[in-house]
Amino acid sequence: RSYQMWVEIDPHLLLFTLLPPLLAGDAMSIDTQVAGKVANQCLFLAGPGVVMNAGLAAAFLKFFLPYDWDFKFCVTVGAV
């Protein structure tokens, strides 16, 4: 019976319940000097890195797979 309750739980409820304490715990234990040193690398990966990766994945999905997907959909899947 307990297993069935866990299987039927709303995934958003699970996410909104568990994620904030995990993020708060990590945020309180972060070393600000290390975060300052790697901030540029994080911004590079979060910005241009994601865009380049989404473009490469979209090109692969569009031209090498046998599906007739729209290029915008391929970019969306590549970004995910």
PDB file of N, CA and C in Angstrom:
ATOM      1  N   ARG A   1       0.821  -1.185   0.000  1.00  0.00           N
ATOM      2  CA  ARG A   1       0.000   0.000   0.000  1.00  0.00           C
ATOM      3  C   ARG A   1       0.873   1.260   0.000  1.00  0.00           C
ATOM      4  N   SER A   2       1.935   1.286   0.771  1.00  0.00           N
ATOM      5  CA  SER A   2       2.828   2.444   0.808  1.00  0.00           C
ATOM      6  C   SER A   2       3.501   2.646  -0.551  1.00  0.00           C
ATOM      7  N   TYR A   3       3.884   1.554  -1.167  1.00  0.00           N
ATOM      8  CA  TYR A   3       4.514   1.639  -2.491  1.00  0.00           C
ATOM      9  C   TYR A   3       3.565   2.283  -3.495  1.00  0.00           C
ATOM     10  N   GLN A   4       2.323   1.894  -3.464  1.00  0.00           N
ATOM     11  CA  GLN A   4       1.337   2.453  -4.387  1.00  0.00           C
ATOM     12  C   GLN A   4       1.139   3.946  -4.148  1.00  0.00           C
ATOM     13  N   MET A   5       1.204   4.374  -2.899  1.00  0.00           N
ATOM     14  CA  MET A   5       1.079   5.798  -2.598  1.00  0.00           C
ATOM     15  C   MET A   5       2.263   6.581  -3.181  1.00  0.00           C
ATOM     16  N   TRP A   6       3.469   6.026  -3.091  1.00  0.00           N
ATOM     17  CA  TRP A   6       4.640   6.705  -3.642  1.00  0.00           C
ATOM     18  C   TRP A   6       4.603   6.728  -5.158  1.00  0.00           C
ATOM     19  N   VAL A   7       4.077   5.687  -5.762  1.00  0.00           N
ATOM     20  CA  VAL A   7       3.991   5.651  -7.221  1.00  0.00           C
ATOM     21  C   VAL A   7       3.001   6.696  -7.724  1.00  0.00           C
ATOM     22  N   GLU A   8       1.944   6.932  -6.994  1.00  0.00           N
ATOM     23  CA  GLU A   8       0.901   7.855  -7.425  1.00  0.00           C
ATOM     24  C   GLU A   8       1.116   9.294  -6.966  1.00  0.00           C
ATOM     25  N   ILE A   9       2.243   9.586  -6.298  1.00  0.00           N
ATOM     26  CA  ILE A   9       2.476  10.939  -5.797  1.00  0.00           C
ATOM     27  C   ILE A   9       2.691  11.901  -6.967  1.00  0.00           C
ATOM     28  N   ASP A  10       2.226  13.119  -6.794  1.00  0.00           N
ATOM     29  CA  ASP A  10       2.409  14.147  -7.812  1.00  0.00           C
ATOM     30  C   ASP A  10       3.889  14.523  -7.880  1.00  0.00           C
ATOM     31  N   PRO A  11       4.527  14.446  -9.055  1.00  0.00           N
ATOM     32  CA  PRO A  11       5.961  14.759  -9.145  1.00  0.00           C
ATOM     33  C   PRO A  11       6.282  16.197  -8.763  1.00  0.00           C
ATOM     34  N   HIS A  12       5.360  17.130  -9.016  1.00  0.00           N
ATOM     35  CA  HIS A  12       5.615  18.524  -8.636  1.00  0.00           C
ATOM     36  C   HIS A  12       5.651  18.677  -7.113  1.00  0.00           C
ATOM     37  N   LEU A  13       4.791  17.958  -6.438  1.00  0.00           N
ATOM     38  CA  LEU A  13       4.801  18.003  -4.974  1.00  0.00           C
ATOM     39  C   LEU A  13       6.132  17.486  -4.444  1.00  0.00           C
ATOM     40  N   LEU A  14       6.612  16.410  -5.006  1.00  0.00           N
ATOM     41  CA  LEU A  14       7.896  15.843  -4.581  1.00  0.00           C
ATOM     42  C   LEU A  14       9.035  16.825  -4.867  1.00  0.00           C
ATOM     43  N   LEU A  15       9.013  17.442  -6.040  1.00  0.00           N
ATOM     44  CA  LEU A  15      10.053  18.398  -6.408  1.00  0.00           C
ATOM     45  C   LEU A  15      10.035  19.627  -5.509  1.00  0.00           C
ATOM     46  N   PHE A  16       8.849  20.200  -5.301  1.00  0.00           N
ATOM     47  CA  PHE A  16       8.746  21.419  -4.497  1.00  0.00           C
ATOM     48  C   PHE A  16       8.973  21.147  -3.016  1.00  0.00           C
ATOM     49  N   THR A  17       8.854  19.909  -2.590  1.00  0.00           N
ATOM     50  CA  THR A  17       9.088  19.570  -1.194  1.00  0.00           C
ATOM     51  C   THR A  17      10.560  19.299  -0.917  1.00  0.00           C
ATOM     52  N   LEU A  18      11.238  18.613  -1.813  1.00  0.00           N
ATOM     53  CA  LEU A  18      12.615  18.197  -1.550  1.00  0.00           C
ATOM     54  C   LEU A  18      13.669  19.175  -2.059  1.00  0.00           C
ATOM     55  N   LEU A  19      13.384  19.881  -3.126  1.00  0.00           N
ATOM     56  CA  LEU A  19      14.403  20.731  -3.724  1.00  0.00           C
ATOM     57  C   LEU A  19      14.801  21.945  -2.880  1.00  0.00           C
ATOM     58  N   PRO A  20      13.873  22.716  -2.307  1.00  0.00           N
ATOM     59  CA  PRO A  20      14.300  23.896  -1.528  1.00  0.00           C
ATOM     60  C   PRO A  20      15.246  23.593  -0.360  1.00  0.00           C
ATOM     61  N   PRO A  21      14.995  22.547   0.456  1.00  0.00           N
ATOM     62  CA  PRO A  21      15.972  22.285   1.520  1.00  0.00           C
ATOM     63  C   PRO A  21      17.340  21.876   0.985  1.00  0.00           C
ATOM     64  N   LEU A  22      17.366  21.152  -0.105  1.00  0.00           N
ATOM     65  CA  LEU A  22      18.653  20.761  -0.682  1.00  0.00           C
ATOM     66  C   LEU A  22      19.412  21.977  -1.202  1.00  0.00           C
ATOM     67  N   LEU A  23      18.717  22.868  -1.898  1.00  0.00           N
ATOM     68  CA  LEU A  23      19.372  24.076  -2.413  1.00  0.00           C
ATOM     69  C   LEU A  23      19.810  25.003  -1.289  1.00  0.00           C
ATOM     70  N   ALA A  24      18.974  25.152  -0.269  1.00  0.00           N
ATOM     71  CA  ALA A  24      19.332  26.013   0.859  1.00  0.00           C
ATOM     72  C   ALA A  24      20.544  25.454   1.597  1.00  0.00           C
ATOM     73  N   GLY A  25      20.591  24.162   1.786  1.00  0.00           N
ATOM     74  CA  GLY A  25      21.735  23.546   2.462  1.00  0.00           C
ATOM     75  C   GLY A  25      23.021  23.749   1.692  1.00  0.00           C
ATOM     76  N   ASP A  26      22.972  23.602   0.369  1.00  0.00           N
ATOM     77  CA  ASP A  26      24.167  23.832  -0.440  1.00  0.00           C
ATOM     78  C   ASP A  26      24.542  25.308  -0.480  1.00  0.00           C
ATOM     79  N   ALA A  27      23.549  26.183  -0.523  1.00  0.00           N
ATOM     80  CA  ALA A  27      23.839  27.617  -0.575  1.00  0.00           C
ATOM     81  C   ALA A  27      24.499  28.098   0.708  1.00  0.00           C
ATOM     82  N   MET A  28      24.135  27.517   1.835  1.00  0.00           N
ATOM     83  CA  MET A  28      24.722  27.948   3.105  1.00  0.00           C
ATOM     84  C   MET A  28      26.132  27.418   3.309  1.00  0.00           C
ATOM     85  N   SER A  29      26.486  26.355   2.611  1.00  0.00           N
ATOM     86  CA  SER A  29      27.807  25.774   2.803  1.00  0.00           C
ATOM     87  C   SER A  29      28.771  26.093   1.665  1.00  0.00           C
ATOM     88  N   ILE A  30      28.395  27.033   0.779  1.00  0.00           N
ATOM     89  CA  ILE A  30      29.251  27.359  -0.356  1.00  0.00           C
ATOM     90  C   ILE A  30      30.428  28.223   0.094  1.00  0.00           C
ATOM     91  N   ASP A  31      31.564  27.974  -0.486  1.00  0.00           N
ATOM     92  CA  ASP A  31      32.753  28.781  -0.220  1.00  0.00           C
ATOM     93  C   ASP A  31      32.753  29.947  -1.210  1.00  0.00           C
ATOM     94  N   THR A  32      32.573  31.156  -0.720  1.00  0.00           N
ATOM     95  CA  THR A  32      32.393  32.305  -1.605  1.00  0.00           C
ATOM     96  C   THR A  32      33.655  32.641  -2.395  1.00  0.00           C
ATOM     97  N   GLN A  33      34.825  32.337  -1.863  1.00  0.00           N
ATOM     98  CA  GLN A  33      36.056  32.597  -2.598  1.00  0.00           C
ATOM     99  C   GLN A  33      36.170  31.668  -3.800  1.00  0.00           C
ATOM    100  N   VAL A  34      35.825  30.412  -3.609  1.00  0.00           N
ATOM    101  CA  VAL A  34      35.856  29.463  -4.720  1.00  0.00           C
ATOM    102  C   VAL A  34      34.780  29.828  -5.741  1.00  0.00           C
ATOM    103  N   ALA A  35      33.609  30.214  -5.268  1.00  0.00           N
ATOM    104  CA  ALA A  35      32.531  30.610  -6.179  1.00  0.00           C
ATOM    105  C   ALA A  35      32.939  31.825  -7.010  1.00  0.00           C
ATOM    106  N   GLY A  36      33.649  32.765  -6.407  1.00  0.00           N
ATOM    107  CA  GLY A  36      34.124  33.934  -7.146  1.00  0.00           C
ATOM    108  C   GLY A  36      35.140  33.572  -8.216  1.00  0.00           C
ATOM    109  N   LYS A  37      35.997  32.596  -7.917  1.00  0.00           N
ATOM    110  CA  LYS A  37      37.022  32.187  -8.881  1.00  0.00           C
ATOM    111  C   LYS A  37      36.432  31.460 -10.084  1.00  0.00           C
ATOM    112  N   VAL A  38      35.379  30.714  -9.874  1.00  0.00           N
ATOM    113  CA  VAL A  38      34.805  29.921 -10.967  1.00  0.00           C
ATOM    114  C   VAL A  38      33.561  30.570 -11.577  1.00  0.00           C
ATOM    115  N   ALA A  39      33.234  31.791 -11.200  1.00  0.00           N
ATOM    116  CA  ALA A  39      32.028  32.459 -11.699  1.00  0.00           C
ATOM    117  C   ALA A  39      32.073  32.638 -13.211  1.00  0.00           C
ATOM    118  N   ASN A  40      33.227  33.037 -13.754  1.00  0.00           N
ATOM    119  CA  ASN A  40      33.329  33.228 -15.206  1.00  0.00           C
ATOM    120  C   ASN A  40      33.140  31.912 -15.952  1.00  0.00           C
ATOM    121  N   GLN A  41      33.698  30.829 -15.427  1.00  0.00           N
ATOM    122  CA  GLN A  41      33.519  29.535 -16.062  1.00  0.00           C
ATOM    123  C   GLN A  41      32.053  29.112 -16.037  1.00  0.00           C
ATOM    124  N   CYS A  42      31.396  29.362 -14.920  1.00  0.00           N
ATOM    125  CA  CYS A  42      29.969  29.015 -14.806  1.00  0.00           C
ATOM    126  C   CYS A  42      29.134  29.815 -15.794  1.00  0.00           C
ATOM    127  N   LEU A  43      29.414  31.104 -15.913  1.00  0.00           N
ATOM    128  CA  LEU A  43      28.664  31.933 -16.859  1.00  0.00           C
ATOM    129  C   LEU A  43      28.928  31.521 -18.301  1.00  0.00           C
ATOM    130  N   PHE A  44      30.163  31.129 -18.597  1.00  0.00           N
ATOM    131  CA  PHE A  44      30.478  30.675 -19.949  1.00  0.00           C
ATOM    132  C   PHE A  44      29.733  29.386 -20.279  1.00  0.00           C
ATOM    133  N   LEU A  45      29.690  28.467 -19.324  1.00  0.00           N
ATOM    134  CA  LEU A  45      28.976  27.215 -19.573  1.00  0.00           C
ATOM    135  C   LEU A  45      27.467  27.422 -19.597  1.00  0.00           C
ATOM    136  N   ALA A  46      26.954  28.326 -18.788  1.00  0.00           N
ATOM    137  CA  ALA A  46      25.512  28.547 -18.720  1.00  0.00           C
ATOM    138  C   ALA A  46      25.010  29.332 -19.925  1.00  0.00           C
ATOM    139  N   GLY A  47      25.823  30.126 -20.537  1.00  0.00           N
ATOM    140  CA  GLY A  47      25.387  30.947 -21.671  1.00  0.00           C
ATOM    141  C   GLY A  47      25.779  30.341 -23.004  1.00  0.00           C
ATOM    142  N   PRO A  48      26.946  30.705 -23.504  1.00  0.00           N
ATOM    143  CA  PRO A  48      27.358  30.212 -24.822  1.00  0.00           C
ATOM    144  C   PRO A  48      27.513  28.693 -24.893  1.00  0.00           C
ATOM    145  N   GLY A  49      27.868  28.071 -23.801  1.00  0.00           N
ATOM    146  CA  GLY A  49      28.021  26.617 -23.815  1.00  0.00           C
ATOM    147  C   GLY A  49      26.718  25.902 -24.091  1.00  0.00           C
ATOM    148  N   VAL A  50      25.641  26.364 -23.477  1.00  0.00           N
ATOM    149  CA  VAL A  50      24.332  25.752 -23.699  1.00  0.00           C
ATOM    150  C   VAL A  50      23.847  26.037 -25.115  1.00  0.00           C
ATOM    151  N   VAL A  51      24.074  27.254 -25.590  1.00  0.00           N
ATOM    152  CA  VAL A  51      23.642  27.605 -26.943  1.00  0.00           C
ATOM    153  C   VAL A  51      24.379  26.763 -27.984  1.00  0.00           C
ATOM    154  N   MET A  52      25.698  26.619 -27.825  1.00  0.00           N
ATOM    155  CA  MET A  52      26.471  25.801 -28.775  1.00  0.00           C
ATOM    156  C   MET A  52      26.043  24.340 -28.723  1.00  0.00           C
ATOM    157  N   ASN A  53      25.862  23.833 -27.523  1.00  0.00           N
ATOM    158  CA  ASN A  53      25.459  22.439 -27.387  1.00  0.00           C
ATOM    159  C   ASN A  53      24.065  22.210 -27.968  1.00  0.00           C
ATOM    160  N   ALA A  54      23.145  23.134 -27.740  1.00  0.00           N
ATOM    161  CA  ALA A  54      21.800  23.005 -28.301  1.00  0.00           C
ATOM    162  C   ALA A  54      21.848  23.036 -29.822  1.00  0.00           C
ATOM    163  N   GLY A  55      22.689  23.896 -30.378  1.00  0.00           N
ATOM    164  CA  GLY A  55      22.825  23.957 -31.839  1.00  0.00           C
ATOM    165  C   GLY A  55      23.404  22.690 -32.428  1.00  0.00           C
ATOM    166  N   LEU A  56      24.445  22.160 -31.798  1.00  0.00           N
ATOM    167  CA  LEU A  56      25.045  20.917 -32.291  1.00  0.00           C
ATOM    168  C   LEU A  56      24.092  19.739 -32.167  1.00  0.00           C
ATOM    169  N   ALA A  57      23.408  19.657 -31.049  1.00  0.00           N
ATOM    170  CA  ALA A  57      22.445  18.571 -30.868  1.00  0.00           C
ATOM    171  C   ALA A  57      21.287  18.718 -31.856  1.00  0.00           C
ATOM    172  N   ALA A  58      20.839  19.957 -32.102  1.00  0.00           N
ATOM    173  CA  ALA A  58      19.744  20.178 -33.051  1.00  0.00           C
ATOM    174  C   ALA A  58      20.163  19.780 -34.463  1.00  0.00           C
ATOM    175  N   ALA A  59      21.387  20.117 -34.842  1.00  0.00           N
ATOM    176  CA  ALA A  59      21.872  19.729 -36.170  1.00  0.00           C
ATOM    177  C   ALA A  59      21.927  18.210 -36.295  1.00  0.00           C
ATOM    178  N   PHE A  60      22.396  17.548 -35.263  1.00  0.00           N
ATOM    179  CA  PHE A  60      22.440  16.080 -35.294  1.00  0.00           C
ATOM    180  C   PHE A  60      21.042  15.497 -35.396  1.00  0.00           C
ATOM    181  N   LEU A  61      20.114  16.012 -34.590  1.00  0.00           N
ATOM    182  CA  LEU A  61      18.744  15.496 -34.610  1.00  0.00           C
ATOM    183  C   LEU A  61      18.073  15.748 -35.953  1.00  0.00           C
ATOM    184  N   LYS A  62      18.328  16.891 -36.548  1.00  0.00           N
ATOM    185  CA  LYS A  62      17.661  17.253 -37.803  1.00  0.00           C
ATOM    186  C   LYS A  62      18.219  16.481 -38.992  1.00  0.00           C
ATOM    187  N   PHE A  63      19.546  16.349 -39.074  1.00  0.00           N
ATOM    188  CA  PHE A  63      20.152  15.838 -40.299  1.00  0.00           C
ATOM    189  C   PHE A  63      20.565  14.373 -40.244  1.00  0.00           C
ATOM    190  N   PHE A  64      20.737  13.813 -39.057  1.00  0.00           N
ATOM    191  CA  PHE A  64      21.229  12.443 -38.984  1.00  0.00           C
ATOM    192  C   PHE A  64      20.193  11.430 -38.519  1.00  0.00           C
ATOM    193  N   LEU A  65      19.107  11.883 -37.933  1.00  0.00           N
ATOM    194  CA  LEU A  65      18.066  10.959 -37.502  1.00  0.00           C
ATOM    195  C   LEU A  65      16.941  10.928 -38.531  1.00  0.00           C
ATOM    196  N   PRO A  66      16.261   9.806 -38.644  1.00  0.00           N
ATOM    197  CA  PRO A  66      15.264   9.659 -39.720  1.00  0.00           C
ATOM    198  C   PRO A  66      13.932  10.358 -39.455  1.00  0.00           C
ATOM    199  N   TYR A  67      13.826  11.154 -38.418  1.00  0.00           N
ATOM    200  CA  TYR A  67      12.571  11.821 -38.100  1.00  0.00           C
ATOM    201  C   TYR A  67      12.465  13.125 -38.873  1.00  0.00           C
ATOM    202  N   ASP A  68      11.273  13.515 -39.217  1.00  0.00           N
ATOM    203  CA  ASP A  68      11.047  14.763 -39.935  1.00  0.00           C
ATOM    204  C   ASP A  68      10.616  15.848 -38.944  1.00  0.00           C
ATOM    205  N   TRP A  69      11.520  16.176 -38.027  1.00  0.00           N
ATOM    206  CA  TRP A  69      11.226  17.156 -36.992  1.00  0.00           C
ATOM    207  C   TRP A  69      11.544  18.557 -37.489  1.00  0.00           C
ATOM    208  N   ASP A  70      10.773  19.525 -37.000  1.00  0.00           N
ATOM    209  CA  ASP A  70      11.038  20.926 -37.269  1.00  0.00           C
ATOM    210  C   ASP A  70      12.334  21.327 -36.553  1.00  0.00           C
ATOM    211  N   PHE A  71      13.085  22.272 -37.150  1.00  0.00           N
ATOM    212  CA  PHE A  71      14.372  22.642 -36.558  1.00  0.00           C
ATOM    213  C   PHE A  71      14.198  23.290 -35.187  1.00  0.00           C
ATOM    214  N   LYS A  72      13.113  24.037 -34.988  1.00  0.00           N
ATOM    215  CA  LYS A  72      12.875  24.647 -33.673  1.00  0.00           C
ATOM    216  C   LYS A  72      12.666  23.578 -32.610  1.00  0.00           C
ATOM    217  N   PHE A  73      11.958  22.512 -32.977  1.00  0.00           N
ATOM    218  CA  PHE A  73      11.769  21.410 -32.041  1.00  0.00           C
ATOM    219  C   PHE A  73      13.102  20.724 -31.733  1.00  0.00           C
ATOM    220  N   CYS A  74      13.942  20.588 -32.751  1.00  0.00           N
ATOM    221  CA  CYS A  74      15.260  19.984 -32.539  1.00  0.00           C
ATOM    222  C   CYS A  74      16.127  20.833 -31.597  1.00  0.00           C
ATOM    223  N   VAL A  75      16.034  22.155 -31.733  1.00  0.00           N
ATOM    224  CA  VAL A  75      16.780  23.038 -30.822  1.00  0.00           C
ATOM    225  C   VAL A  75      16.252  22.906 -29.405  1.00  0.00           C
ATOM    226  N   THR A  76      14.936  22.794 -29.270  1.00  0.00           N
ATOM    227  CA  THR A  76      14.351  22.642 -27.941  1.00  0.00           C
ATOM    228  C   THR A  76      14.809  21.347 -27.293  1.00  0.00           C
ATOM    229  N   VAL A  77      14.779  20.257 -28.049  1.00  0.00           N
ATOM    230  CA  VAL A  77      15.234  18.974 -27.513  1.00  0.00           C
ATOM    231  C   VAL A  77      16.730  19.028 -27.217  1.00  0.00           C
ATOM    232  N   GLY A  78      17.499  19.693 -28.066  1.00  0.00           N
ATOM    233  CA  GLY A  78      18.928  19.818 -27.840  1.00  0.00           C
ATOM    234  C   GLY A  78      19.253  20.628 -26.595  1.00  0.00           C
ATOM    235  N   ALA A  79      18.447  21.638 -26.299  1.00  0.00           N
ATOM    236  CA  ALA A  79      18.681  22.447 -25.111  1.00  0.00           C
ATOM    237  C   ALA A  79      18.353  21.682 -23.842  1.00  0.00           C
ATOM    238  N   VAL A  80      17.404  20.785 -23.931  1.00  0.00           N
ATOM    239  CA  VAL A  80      17.035  19.999 -22.752  1.00  0.00           C
ATOM    240  C   VAL A  80      18.122  18.994 -22.494  1.00  0.00           C
TER     241      VAL A  80
END
